[in-house]
Amino acid sequence: MTEMLAHQTDPAHRRLLYMYGAVTQIELNGFLEGNSIDTDERKREIKAQWRQAAEDFQAIVHTEEGAPETISTRPLAPEASQFTAALQASPAFQRTFSNYPISIEQVEIDKVVAGQRMVHLDFVEQIRERYSQSGQDLVSFCLHTGQDQTPIIVGRTANNAYTFTSENPSLRLLGVFEHPYEPAWMEANHPGGQPVRTMTLILVDAQK
C-alpha cells in the first residue's frame, strides 16, 4: 500500500510515495511527524488506514512468496555487448561488484522486489523526462553511470563541518580513505599549519 505525502510545490519539499503498510505503526507516526507536511486531518486519515494497509501488505507477502525466484530472464540484444563489456571492465564496476557473481540480462520487472519504502515522485518524473528526450537505448540509459549528474550544494556549517545536499534523493556517503598529503593540490586550499595526511570523503549521487 502506498500513500502520497507532501503535496506542496515549494522546492524545499518533495512529493513522496510511501509504502506505509510495510512499516510498524510507530515508524509511520515518526515518519509523519518528521517528514510529512500534510495537514493534521490528513495525517489522522493515514494513521487510521495503517492497520488495513499492513494487513494487505502481509497478504501480498504470503500470496507472492517465492515469486522472485521464478523471474524469467533473457540475454541483451547483441548490439549491447560492446557497451556491457566496457562497463564490466571499468575499475568502478569491478570494485563495486568484485564479491558477487555478475551477469547482465533483461529480467521480468513485475517480479523484482525493490527494498525501498519511499519513492520521490519528482525525481521519478525527472528520470522519465530525461529518458524520453535523450534518445538513448534502454540499456545505456539504465547502466551508464555519471551522466547528467545532479549538482551538489556544499555548505560550511562550522570550522570543521560541511553539509552536502542534492536534489537527487540518492545522495549518500560511499566511503572514506586516507592518503599522503599532496602539496600541489593544497597550493590553493592550504588550511594552515603543516599538513601531513589527507582524508577524502567519497559521495555518490546515484542517478539510477
N, C-alpha and C. Protein backbone atom coordinates (compact mmCIF):
# COMPACT_ATOMS: atom_id res chain seq x y z
N MET A 1 0.85 -1.19 0.00
CA MET A 1 0.00 0.00 0.00
C MET A 1 0.88 1.24 0.00
N THR A 2 0.51 2.22 -0.76
CA THR A 2 1.30 3.44 -0.85
C THR A 2 0.41 4.65 -0.62
N GLU A 3 1.03 5.73 -0.22
CA GLU A 3 0.26 6.95 0.05
C GLU A 3 1.12 8.16 -0.29
N MET A 4 0.55 9.12 -1.01
CA MET A 4 1.28 10.31 -1.39
C MET A 4 1.27 11.31 -0.26
N LEU A 5 2.46 11.86 0.04
CA LEU A 5 2.62 12.84 1.10
C LEU A 5 3.28 14.09 0.54
N ALA A 6 3.23 15.16 1.29
CA ALA A 6 3.93 16.40 0.95
C ALA A 6 3.50 16.93 -0.41
N HIS A 7 2.32 17.54 -0.43
CA HIS A 7 1.73 17.96 -1.70
C HIS A 7 2.18 19.34 -2.16
N GLN A 8 2.90 20.07 -1.34
CA GLN A 8 3.30 21.41 -1.73
C GLN A 8 4.30 21.38 -2.87
N THR A 9 4.32 22.45 -3.68
CA THR A 9 5.24 22.54 -4.81
C THR A 9 6.49 23.34 -4.47
N ASP A 10 6.61 23.81 -3.23
CA ASP A 10 7.81 24.53 -2.78
C ASP A 10 9.03 23.65 -3.02
N PRO A 11 10.12 24.20 -3.63
CA PRO A 11 11.32 23.40 -3.89
C PRO A 11 11.91 22.76 -2.63
N ALA A 12 11.59 23.32 -1.46
CA ALA A 12 12.14 22.76 -0.23
C ALA A 12 11.45 21.46 0.16
N HIS A 13 10.37 21.12 -0.52
CA HIS A 13 9.63 19.90 -0.20
C HIS A 13 9.58 18.98 -1.40
N ARG A 14 9.38 17.70 -1.13
CA ARG A 14 9.28 16.71 -2.20
C ARG A 14 7.99 15.92 -2.05
N ARG A 15 7.44 15.54 -3.20
CA ARG A 15 6.27 14.64 -3.20
C ARG A 15 6.78 13.21 -3.03
N LEU A 16 6.22 12.51 -2.06
CA LEU A 16 6.68 11.16 -1.76
C LEU A 16 5.56 10.16 -1.90
N LEU A 17 5.93 8.95 -2.33
CA LEU A 17 5.03 7.81 -2.30
C LEU A 17 5.59 6.88 -1.23
N TYR A 18 4.83 6.65 -0.18
CA TYR A 18 5.34 5.94 1.00
C TYR A 18 4.58 4.65 1.21
N MET A 19 5.30 3.53 1.27
CA MET A 19 4.68 2.22 1.46
C MET A 19 4.44 2.00 2.95
N TYR A 20 3.40 2.63 3.46
CA TYR A 20 3.21 2.63 4.91
C TYR A 20 2.66 1.31 5.43
N GLY A 21 2.21 0.44 4.55
CA GLY A 21 1.78 -0.87 5.01
C GLY A 21 2.93 -1.78 5.38
N ALA A 22 4.16 -1.38 4.98
CA ALA A 22 5.34 -2.21 5.25
C ALA A 22 6.07 -1.81 6.52
N VAL A 23 5.57 -0.80 7.23
CA VAL A 23 6.26 -0.32 8.43
C VAL A 23 5.39 -0.55 9.66
N THR A 24 6.00 -0.42 10.82
CA THR A 24 5.22 -0.53 12.06
C THR A 24 4.46 0.78 12.28
N GLN A 25 3.50 0.73 13.19
CA GLN A 25 2.72 1.94 13.48
C GLN A 25 3.61 3.03 14.08
N ILE A 26 4.58 2.64 14.90
CA ILE A 26 5.50 3.62 15.49
C ILE A 26 6.34 4.28 14.40
N GLU A 27 6.83 3.48 13.44
CA GLU A 27 7.61 4.04 12.33
C GLU A 27 6.78 5.00 11.50
N LEU A 28 5.54 4.64 11.25
CA LEU A 28 4.65 5.52 10.48
C LEU A 28 4.44 6.85 11.19
N ASN A 29 4.15 6.78 12.49
CA ASN A 29 3.93 8.01 13.25
C ASN A 29 5.16 8.90 13.22
N GLY A 30 6.34 8.30 13.37
CA GLY A 30 7.58 9.07 13.34
C GLY A 30 7.82 9.69 11.98
N PHE A 31 7.50 8.95 10.93
CA PHE A 31 7.68 9.48 9.58
C PHE A 31 6.75 10.66 9.33
N LEU A 32 5.50 10.53 9.73
CA LEU A 32 4.54 11.61 9.50
C LEU A 32 4.94 12.87 10.25
N GLU A 33 5.41 12.70 11.48
CA GLU A 33 5.76 13.88 12.28
C GLU A 33 7.07 14.50 11.82
N GLY A 34 7.99 13.69 11.33
CA GLY A 34 9.30 14.21 10.97
C GLY A 34 9.46 14.60 9.52
N ASN A 35 8.57 14.09 8.63
CA ASN A 35 8.78 14.32 7.20
C ASN A 35 7.57 14.90 6.45
N SER A 36 6.37 14.60 6.92
CA SER A 36 5.19 15.00 6.15
C SER A 36 4.79 16.44 6.43
N ILE A 37 4.34 17.14 5.37
CA ILE A 37 3.79 18.49 5.52
C ILE A 37 2.29 18.46 5.30
N ASP A 38 1.69 17.26 5.33
CA ASP A 38 0.25 17.15 5.21
C ASP A 38 -0.44 17.78 6.43
N THR A 39 -1.71 18.05 6.28
CA THR A 39 -2.48 18.61 7.38
C THR A 39 -2.66 17.57 8.47
N ASP A 40 -2.99 18.02 9.67
CA ASP A 40 -3.23 17.10 10.78
C ASP A 40 -4.38 16.15 10.43
N GLU A 41 -5.39 16.67 9.74
CA GLU A 41 -6.52 15.82 9.35
C GLU A 41 -6.07 14.71 8.41
N ARG A 42 -5.19 15.05 7.44
CA ARG A 42 -4.69 14.05 6.51
C ARG A 42 -3.82 13.03 7.22
N LYS A 43 -3.02 13.46 8.18
CA LYS A 43 -2.19 12.53 8.94
C LYS A 43 -3.06 11.56 9.74
N ARG A 44 -4.14 12.07 10.32
CA ARG A 44 -5.03 11.18 11.08
C ARG A 44 -5.67 10.15 10.14
N GLU A 45 -6.00 10.58 8.93
CA GLU A 45 -6.60 9.67 7.95
C GLU A 45 -5.62 8.55 7.59
N ILE A 46 -4.36 8.92 7.38
CA ILE A 46 -3.34 7.91 7.04
C ILE A 46 -3.13 6.94 8.20
N LYS A 47 -3.07 7.47 9.41
CA LYS A 47 -2.88 6.60 10.58
C LYS A 47 -4.05 5.63 10.74
N ALA A 48 -5.26 6.12 10.46
CA ALA A 48 -6.44 5.26 10.59
C ALA A 48 -6.43 4.14 9.54
N GLN A 49 -5.80 4.38 8.41
CA GLN A 49 -5.76 3.39 7.33
C GLN A 49 -4.60 2.41 7.49
N TRP A 50 -3.71 2.68 8.47
CA TRP A 50 -2.49 1.87 8.57
C TRP A 50 -2.79 0.40 8.81
N ARG A 51 -3.68 0.05 9.72
CA ARG A 51 -3.91 -1.36 10.06
C ARG A 51 -4.34 -2.16 8.84
N GLN A 52 -5.27 -1.61 8.04
CA GLN A 52 -5.71 -2.32 6.85
C GLN A 52 -4.59 -2.42 5.83
N ALA A 53 -3.80 -1.34 5.72
CA ALA A 53 -2.67 -1.36 4.78
C ALA A 53 -1.66 -2.43 5.18
N ALA A 54 -1.40 -2.56 6.49
CA ALA A 54 -0.44 -3.56 6.98
C ALA A 54 -0.96 -4.97 6.70
N GLU A 55 -2.25 -5.18 6.89
CA GLU A 55 -2.84 -6.50 6.61
C GLU A 55 -2.75 -6.83 5.12
N ASP A 56 -3.04 -5.84 4.29
CA ASP A 56 -2.97 -6.06 2.83
C ASP A 56 -1.53 -6.36 2.40
N PHE A 57 -0.57 -5.67 3.02
CA PHE A 57 0.83 -5.90 2.67
C PHE A 57 1.26 -7.31 3.05
N GLN A 58 0.88 -7.76 4.23
CA GLN A 58 1.24 -9.11 4.66
C GLN A 58 0.57 -10.17 3.79
N ALA A 59 -0.63 -9.88 3.33
CA ALA A 59 -1.32 -10.82 2.43
C ALA A 59 -0.54 -10.97 1.13
N ILE A 60 -0.01 -9.86 0.61
CA ILE A 60 0.80 -9.90 -0.61
C ILE A 60 2.09 -10.69 -0.36
N VAL A 61 2.71 -10.46 0.81
CA VAL A 61 3.94 -11.17 1.16
C VAL A 61 3.72 -12.68 1.11
N HIS A 62 2.59 -13.13 1.67
CA HIS A 62 2.32 -14.57 1.74
C HIS A 62 1.87 -15.14 0.40
N THR A 63 1.00 -14.43 -0.32
CA THR A 63 0.48 -14.97 -1.58
C THR A 63 1.54 -14.96 -2.69
N GLU A 64 2.50 -14.04 -2.61
CA GLU A 64 3.53 -13.96 -3.65
C GLU A 64 4.88 -14.50 -3.17
N GLU A 65 4.86 -15.25 -2.07
CA GLU A 65 6.11 -15.83 -1.55
C GLU A 65 6.74 -16.74 -2.61
N GLY A 66 8.01 -16.53 -2.85
CA GLY A 66 8.73 -17.34 -3.83
C GLY A 66 8.64 -16.81 -5.25
N ALA A 67 7.81 -15.82 -5.50
CA ALA A 67 7.66 -15.30 -6.87
C ALA A 67 8.96 -14.75 -7.45
N PRO A 68 9.77 -14.03 -6.64
CA PRO A 68 11.03 -13.52 -7.23
C PRO A 68 11.95 -14.62 -7.76
N GLU A 69 11.86 -15.82 -7.17
CA GLU A 69 12.72 -16.91 -7.63
C GLU A 69 12.27 -17.46 -8.99
N THR A 70 11.09 -17.05 -9.46
CA THR A 70 10.59 -17.55 -10.75
C THR A 70 10.77 -16.53 -11.86
N ILE A 71 11.53 -15.47 -11.60
CA ILE A 71 11.73 -14.43 -12.61
C ILE A 71 12.38 -15.02 -13.86
N SER A 72 11.83 -14.69 -15.00
CA SER A 72 12.42 -15.12 -16.26
C SER A 72 13.42 -14.07 -16.73
N THR A 73 14.46 -14.52 -17.42
CA THR A 73 15.49 -13.61 -17.92
C THR A 73 15.74 -13.94 -19.40
N ARG A 74 16.36 -12.99 -20.09
CA ARG A 74 16.79 -13.23 -21.46
C ARG A 74 18.02 -12.38 -21.75
N PRO A 75 18.86 -12.82 -22.63
CA PRO A 75 20.10 -12.08 -22.93
C PRO A 75 19.77 -10.71 -23.53
N LEU A 76 20.71 -9.79 -23.36
CA LEU A 76 20.56 -8.49 -24.00
C LEU A 76 20.76 -8.65 -25.51
N ALA A 77 20.30 -7.64 -26.23
CA ALA A 77 20.49 -7.64 -27.68
C ALA A 77 21.99 -7.64 -28.00
N PRO A 78 22.40 -8.29 -29.08
CA PRO A 78 23.83 -8.38 -29.43
C PRO A 78 24.51 -7.01 -29.52
N GLU A 79 23.78 -5.98 -29.96
CA GLU A 79 24.40 -4.67 -30.11
C GLU A 79 24.78 -4.03 -28.78
N ALA A 80 24.30 -4.59 -27.65
CA ALA A 80 24.65 -4.05 -26.33
C ALA A 80 25.93 -4.67 -25.77
N SER A 81 26.47 -5.68 -26.44
CA SER A 81 27.60 -6.43 -25.88
C SER A 81 28.84 -5.56 -25.71
N GLN A 82 29.12 -4.68 -26.66
CA GLN A 82 30.31 -3.84 -26.55
C GLN A 82 30.21 -2.90 -25.37
N PHE A 83 29.01 -2.32 -25.17
CA PHE A 83 28.80 -1.41 -24.04
C PHE A 83 28.95 -2.14 -22.72
N THR A 84 28.30 -3.29 -22.56
CA THR A 84 28.36 -4.01 -21.28
C THR A 84 29.76 -4.55 -21.00
N ALA A 85 30.50 -4.92 -22.04
CA ALA A 85 31.87 -5.39 -21.83
C ALA A 85 32.74 -4.26 -21.30
N ALA A 86 32.58 -3.07 -21.88
CA ALA A 86 33.36 -1.92 -21.40
C ALA A 86 32.95 -1.55 -19.98
N LEU A 87 31.68 -1.66 -19.68
CA LEU A 87 31.19 -1.36 -18.34
C LEU A 87 31.81 -2.30 -17.31
N GLN A 88 31.79 -3.60 -17.60
CA GLN A 88 32.31 -4.58 -16.67
C GLN A 88 33.83 -4.50 -16.52
N ALA A 89 34.50 -3.92 -17.50
CA ALA A 89 35.95 -3.78 -17.42
C ALA A 89 36.38 -2.53 -16.67
N SER A 90 35.44 -1.65 -16.38
CA SER A 90 35.78 -0.40 -15.70
C SER A 90 36.16 -0.66 -14.24
N PRO A 91 37.15 0.08 -13.70
CA PRO A 91 37.56 -0.11 -12.30
C PRO A 91 36.41 0.08 -11.32
N ALA A 92 35.54 1.07 -11.57
CA ALA A 92 34.43 1.33 -10.65
C ALA A 92 33.50 0.12 -10.56
N PHE A 93 33.18 -0.49 -11.70
CA PHE A 93 32.30 -1.66 -11.71
C PHE A 93 32.96 -2.83 -11.00
N GLN A 94 34.23 -3.06 -11.30
CA GLN A 94 34.92 -4.20 -10.71
C GLN A 94 35.04 -4.07 -9.20
N ARG A 95 35.31 -2.87 -8.72
CA ARG A 95 35.45 -2.69 -7.28
C ARG A 95 34.10 -2.74 -6.56
N THR A 96 33.06 -2.34 -7.27
CA THR A 96 31.72 -2.36 -6.66
C THR A 96 31.18 -3.77 -6.54
N PHE A 97 31.41 -4.60 -7.55
CA PHE A 97 30.78 -5.92 -7.60
C PHE A 97 31.79 -7.06 -7.53
N SER A 98 32.99 -6.80 -7.03
CA SER A 98 34.03 -7.83 -7.03
C SER A 98 33.67 -9.05 -6.19
N ASN A 99 32.80 -8.90 -5.21
CA ASN A 99 32.47 -10.02 -4.32
C ASN A 99 31.23 -10.79 -4.77
N TYR A 100 30.71 -10.47 -5.96
CA TYR A 100 29.46 -11.08 -6.40
C TYR A 100 29.60 -11.69 -7.79
N PRO A 101 28.91 -12.81 -8.04
CA PRO A 101 28.84 -13.32 -9.42
C PRO A 101 27.94 -12.38 -10.22
N ILE A 102 28.36 -11.97 -11.40
CA ILE A 102 27.65 -10.95 -12.15
C ILE A 102 27.28 -11.45 -13.55
N SER A 103 26.04 -11.17 -13.93
CA SER A 103 25.63 -11.29 -15.33
C SER A 103 24.68 -10.13 -15.60
N ILE A 104 24.67 -9.62 -16.82
CA ILE A 104 23.79 -8.51 -17.19
C ILE A 104 22.78 -9.03 -18.19
N GLU A 105 21.53 -9.07 -17.78
CA GLU A 105 20.45 -9.62 -18.60
C GLU A 105 19.19 -8.79 -18.44
N GLN A 106 18.23 -9.02 -19.30
CA GLN A 106 16.91 -8.43 -19.11
C GLN A 106 16.11 -9.35 -18.19
N VAL A 107 15.35 -8.74 -17.27
CA VAL A 107 14.59 -9.54 -16.31
C VAL A 107 13.13 -9.11 -16.32
N GLU A 108 12.31 -9.99 -15.82
CA GLU A 108 10.87 -9.75 -15.70
C GLU A 108 10.63 -8.79 -14.53
N ILE A 109 10.38 -7.53 -14.84
CA ILE A 109 10.41 -6.49 -13.81
C ILE A 109 9.25 -6.62 -12.82
N ASP A 110 8.14 -7.19 -13.21
CA ASP A 110 6.98 -7.27 -12.31
C ASP A 110 7.25 -8.14 -11.09
N LYS A 111 8.27 -8.98 -11.15
CA LYS A 111 8.57 -9.85 -10.01
C LYS A 111 9.82 -9.41 -9.24
N VAL A 112 10.40 -8.29 -9.64
CA VAL A 112 11.57 -7.78 -8.93
C VAL A 112 11.11 -7.11 -7.64
N VAL A 113 11.78 -7.41 -6.53
CA VAL A 113 11.45 -6.82 -5.24
C VAL A 113 12.42 -5.67 -4.98
N ALA A 114 11.88 -4.46 -4.83
CA ALA A 114 12.71 -3.29 -4.53
C ALA A 114 12.70 -3.06 -3.03
N GLY A 115 13.88 -2.94 -2.44
CA GLY A 115 13.98 -2.82 -0.99
C GLY A 115 13.85 -1.39 -0.51
N GLN A 116 12.92 -0.62 -1.04
CA GLN A 116 12.73 0.75 -0.57
C GLN A 116 11.27 0.99 -0.25
N ARG A 117 11.05 1.77 0.80
CA ARG A 117 9.69 2.05 1.24
C ARG A 117 9.19 3.41 0.77
N MET A 118 10.08 4.20 0.18
CA MET A 118 9.72 5.56 -0.17
C MET A 118 10.24 5.88 -1.57
N VAL A 119 9.40 6.50 -2.39
CA VAL A 119 9.76 6.89 -3.74
C VAL A 119 9.56 8.40 -3.87
N HIS A 120 10.58 9.10 -4.40
CA HIS A 120 10.49 10.53 -4.62
C HIS A 120 9.88 10.76 -6.00
N LEU A 121 8.63 11.17 -6.04
CA LEU A 121 7.90 11.26 -7.29
C LEU A 121 8.47 12.31 -8.24
N ASP A 122 8.94 13.42 -7.71
CA ASP A 122 9.53 14.45 -8.58
C ASP A 122 10.77 13.91 -9.29
N PHE A 123 11.56 13.11 -8.58
CA PHE A 123 12.76 12.53 -9.18
C PHE A 123 12.39 11.49 -10.23
N VAL A 124 11.32 10.74 -9.99
CA VAL A 124 10.83 9.79 -10.98
C VAL A 124 10.47 10.52 -12.27
N GLU A 125 9.79 11.66 -12.13
CA GLU A 125 9.40 12.44 -13.30
C GLU A 125 10.63 12.97 -14.04
N GLN A 126 11.67 13.37 -13.29
CA GLN A 126 12.91 13.85 -13.92
C GLN A 126 13.54 12.74 -14.76
N ILE A 127 13.61 11.54 -14.20
CA ILE A 127 14.20 10.41 -14.93
C ILE A 127 13.38 10.08 -16.16
N ARG A 128 12.05 10.05 -16.00
CA ARG A 128 11.17 9.73 -17.13
C ARG A 128 11.33 10.75 -18.25
N GLU A 129 11.39 12.03 -17.89
CA GLU A 129 11.53 13.08 -18.90
C GLU A 129 12.90 12.99 -19.58
N ARG A 130 13.95 12.75 -18.79
CA ARG A 130 15.29 12.66 -19.35
C ARG A 130 15.39 11.51 -20.33
N TYR A 131 14.76 10.38 -20.01
CA TYR A 131 14.81 9.23 -20.91
C TYR A 131 14.04 9.51 -22.20
N SER A 132 12.88 10.14 -22.08
CA SER A 132 12.05 10.40 -23.28
C SER A 132 12.73 11.38 -24.23
N GLN A 133 13.61 12.23 -23.68
CA GLN A 133 14.26 13.24 -24.51
C GLN A 133 15.68 12.87 -24.95
N SER A 134 16.25 11.85 -24.31
CA SER A 134 17.66 11.55 -24.54
C SER A 134 17.91 10.79 -25.84
N GLY A 135 16.95 9.98 -26.26
CA GLY A 135 17.16 9.15 -27.44
C GLY A 135 18.07 7.97 -27.18
N GLN A 136 18.47 7.75 -25.91
CA GLN A 136 19.33 6.62 -25.58
C GLN A 136 18.55 5.31 -25.62
N ASP A 137 19.26 4.22 -25.92
CA ASP A 137 18.63 2.92 -25.75
C ASP A 137 18.51 2.63 -24.26
N LEU A 138 17.61 1.74 -23.91
CA LEU A 138 17.29 1.49 -22.51
C LEU A 138 18.49 0.96 -21.72
N VAL A 139 19.29 0.08 -22.34
CA VAL A 139 20.43 -0.50 -21.64
C VAL A 139 21.43 0.58 -21.25
N SER A 140 21.77 1.45 -22.19
CA SER A 140 22.72 2.52 -21.90
C SER A 140 22.16 3.49 -20.87
N PHE A 141 20.88 3.81 -20.98
CA PHE A 141 20.27 4.75 -20.04
C PHE A 141 20.29 4.21 -18.62
N CYS A 142 20.02 2.92 -18.46
CA CYS A 142 19.94 2.33 -17.13
C CYS A 142 21.31 2.06 -16.52
N LEU A 143 22.29 1.74 -17.34
CA LEU A 143 23.58 1.28 -16.80
C LEU A 143 24.71 2.28 -16.93
N HIS A 144 24.55 3.30 -17.75
CA HIS A 144 25.63 4.26 -17.95
C HIS A 144 25.67 5.22 -16.77
N THR A 145 26.70 5.11 -15.93
CA THR A 145 26.80 5.95 -14.73
C THR A 145 27.43 7.29 -15.06
N GLY A 146 27.20 8.26 -14.17
CA GLY A 146 27.85 9.55 -14.29
C GLY A 146 27.27 10.47 -15.33
N GLN A 147 26.11 10.15 -15.89
CA GLN A 147 25.53 11.01 -16.91
C GLN A 147 24.58 12.00 -16.25
N ASP A 148 24.61 13.23 -16.74
CA ASP A 148 23.67 14.25 -16.27
C ASP A 148 23.66 14.35 -14.76
N GLN A 149 24.82 14.50 -14.16
CA GLN A 149 24.91 14.47 -12.71
C GLN A 149 24.18 15.65 -12.07
N THR A 150 23.47 15.36 -10.99
CA THR A 150 22.77 16.40 -10.25
C THR A 150 23.78 17.26 -9.50
N PRO A 151 23.68 18.59 -9.58
CA PRO A 151 24.60 19.44 -8.82
C PRO A 151 24.50 19.18 -7.32
N ILE A 152 25.64 19.22 -6.66
CA ILE A 152 25.68 19.05 -5.21
C ILE A 152 26.01 20.40 -4.58
N ILE A 153 25.24 20.77 -3.58
CA ILE A 153 25.44 22.04 -2.87
C ILE A 153 26.24 21.75 -1.60
N VAL A 154 27.33 22.48 -1.41
CA VAL A 154 28.19 22.29 -0.24
C VAL A 154 28.13 23.54 0.62
N GLY A 155 27.76 23.37 1.89
CA GLY A 155 27.70 24.49 2.82
C GLY A 155 28.57 24.23 4.04
N ARG A 156 29.33 25.23 4.44
CA ARG A 156 30.17 25.09 5.63
C ARG A 156 29.35 25.50 6.84
N THR A 157 29.11 24.56 7.75
CA THR A 157 28.25 24.82 8.90
C THR A 157 29.03 25.04 10.19
N ALA A 158 30.33 24.83 10.17
CA ALA A 158 31.20 25.09 11.32
C ALA A 158 32.64 25.10 10.81
N ASN A 159 33.60 25.39 11.70
CA ASN A 159 35.00 25.42 11.27
C ASN A 159 35.46 24.10 10.67
N ASN A 160 34.94 22.99 11.20
CA ASN A 160 35.34 21.68 10.69
C ASN A 160 34.13 20.84 10.29
N ALA A 161 33.04 21.49 9.84
CA ALA A 161 31.82 20.76 9.47
C ALA A 161 31.25 21.31 8.16
N TYR A 162 30.88 20.39 7.27
CA TYR A 162 30.29 20.76 5.98
C TYR A 162 28.99 19.97 5.79
N THR A 163 28.05 20.55 5.08
CA THR A 163 26.80 19.88 4.76
C THR A 163 26.67 19.77 3.24
N PHE A 164 26.43 18.56 2.75
CA PHE A 164 26.26 18.32 1.33
C PHE A 164 24.79 18.00 1.07
N THR A 165 24.18 18.69 0.13
CA THR A 165 22.79 18.43 -0.23
C THR A 165 22.67 18.32 -1.74
N SER A 166 21.61 17.64 -2.18
CA SER A 166 21.38 17.45 -3.61
C SER A 166 19.89 17.26 -3.85
N GLU A 167 19.44 17.67 -5.03
CA GLU A 167 18.06 17.41 -5.42
C GLU A 167 17.83 15.92 -5.65
N ASN A 168 18.92 15.21 -5.89
CA ASN A 168 18.83 13.77 -6.05
C ASN A 168 18.71 13.12 -4.67
N PRO A 169 17.61 12.44 -4.36
CA PRO A 169 17.44 11.84 -3.04
C PRO A 169 18.38 10.68 -2.76
N SER A 170 19.13 10.23 -3.77
CA SER A 170 20.03 9.09 -3.58
C SER A 170 21.44 9.49 -3.15
N LEU A 171 21.67 10.77 -2.88
CA LEU A 171 23.00 11.19 -2.43
C LEU A 171 23.36 10.49 -1.12
N ARG A 172 24.53 9.87 -1.08
CA ARG A 172 24.95 9.19 0.15
C ARG A 172 26.47 9.12 0.20
N LEU A 173 26.97 8.88 1.38
CA LEU A 173 28.41 8.71 1.57
C LEU A 173 28.83 7.32 1.12
N LEU A 174 29.79 7.27 0.20
CA LEU A 174 30.22 5.99 -0.33
C LEU A 174 31.39 5.41 0.46
N GLY A 175 32.20 6.28 1.06
CA GLY A 175 33.33 5.77 1.83
C GLY A 175 34.34 6.85 2.13
N VAL A 176 35.34 6.50 2.92
CA VAL A 176 36.41 7.41 3.32
C VAL A 176 37.74 6.69 3.16
N PHE A 177 38.74 7.40 2.62
CA PHE A 177 40.07 6.80 2.61
C PHE A 177 41.10 7.88 2.88
N GLU A 178 42.25 7.46 3.37
CA GLU A 178 43.31 8.41 3.70
C GLU A 178 44.50 8.18 2.79
N HIS A 179 45.25 9.24 2.53
CA HIS A 179 46.42 9.15 1.68
C HIS A 179 47.39 10.27 2.04
N PRO A 180 48.62 10.19 1.58
CA PRO A 180 49.61 11.21 1.94
C PRO A 180 49.20 12.61 1.49
N TYR A 181 49.65 13.59 2.22
CA TYR A 181 49.41 14.98 1.88
C TYR A 181 50.09 15.31 0.55
N GLU A 182 49.36 15.99 -0.35
CA GLU A 182 49.88 16.34 -1.66
C GLU A 182 50.00 17.86 -1.77
N PRO A 183 51.21 18.40 -1.65
CA PRO A 183 51.41 19.85 -1.64
C PRO A 183 50.82 20.55 -2.87
N ALA A 184 50.94 19.94 -4.05
CA ALA A 184 50.44 20.59 -5.26
C ALA A 184 48.95 20.85 -5.18
N TRP A 185 48.21 19.90 -4.62
CA TRP A 185 46.76 20.06 -4.52
C TRP A 185 46.41 21.15 -3.51
N MET A 186 47.25 21.30 -2.47
CA MET A 186 46.94 22.22 -1.38
C MET A 186 47.37 23.66 -1.65
N GLU A 187 48.03 23.92 -2.77
CA GLU A 187 48.52 25.27 -3.03
C GLU A 187 47.41 26.32 -2.94
N ALA A 188 46.27 25.98 -3.49
CA ALA A 188 45.15 26.93 -3.48
C ALA A 188 44.17 26.66 -2.35
N ASN A 189 44.42 25.60 -1.56
CA ASN A 189 43.48 25.23 -0.49
C ASN A 189 44.20 24.94 0.81
N HIS A 190 45.29 25.63 1.06
CA HIS A 190 46.09 25.32 2.25
C HIS A 190 45.34 25.71 3.51
N PRO A 191 45.21 24.76 4.46
CA PRO A 191 44.45 25.04 5.68
C PRO A 191 45.26 25.75 6.76
N GLY A 192 46.55 25.94 6.52
CA GLY A 192 47.41 26.48 7.55
C GLY A 192 48.12 25.38 8.31
N GLY A 193 49.10 25.73 9.11
CA GLY A 193 49.83 24.71 9.84
C GLY A 193 50.69 23.88 8.90
N GLN A 194 50.97 22.65 9.30
CA GLN A 194 51.79 21.77 8.49
C GLN A 194 51.04 20.46 8.25
N PRO A 195 50.28 20.38 7.16
CA PRO A 195 49.52 19.15 6.86
C PRO A 195 50.44 17.96 6.65
N VAL A 196 50.02 16.79 7.11
CA VAL A 196 50.83 15.59 6.93
C VAL A 196 50.04 14.45 6.27
N ARG A 197 48.73 14.40 6.46
CA ARG A 197 47.91 13.36 5.83
C ARG A 197 46.61 14.01 5.34
N THR A 198 45.96 13.34 4.42
CA THR A 198 44.71 13.83 3.85
C THR A 198 43.63 12.77 3.99
N MET A 199 42.44 13.18 4.39
CA MET A 199 41.28 12.29 4.43
C MET A 199 40.32 12.73 3.33
N THR A 200 39.89 11.80 2.52
CA THR A 200 38.97 12.10 1.42
C THR A 200 37.64 11.38 1.65
N LEU A 201 36.54 12.13 1.56
CA LEU A 201 35.20 11.56 1.66
C LEU A 201 34.65 11.38 0.25
N ILE A 202 34.14 10.21 -0.05
CA ILE A 202 33.60 9.93 -1.37
C ILE A 202 32.07 9.96 -1.29
N LEU A 203 31.45 10.83 -2.08
CA LEU A 203 30.00 10.92 -2.14
C LEU A 203 29.54 10.33 -3.48
N VAL A 204 28.39 9.69 -3.46
CA VAL A 204 27.82 9.18 -4.70
C VAL A 204 26.44 9.76 -4.86
N ASP A 205 26.15 10.26 -6.07
CA ASP A 205 24.86 10.82 -6.40
C ASP A 205 24.20 9.86 -7.38
N ALA A 206 23.61 8.81 -6.84
CA ALA A 206 23.14 7.69 -7.68
C ALA A 206 21.94 8.12 -8.52
N GLN A 207 22.10 8.11 -9.82
CA GLN A 207 21.03 8.53 -10.71
C GLN A 207 20.04 7.41 -10.97
N LYS A 208 20.43 6.17 -10.74
CA LYS A 208 19.54 5.07 -11.08
C LYS A 208 19.11 4.34 -9.82
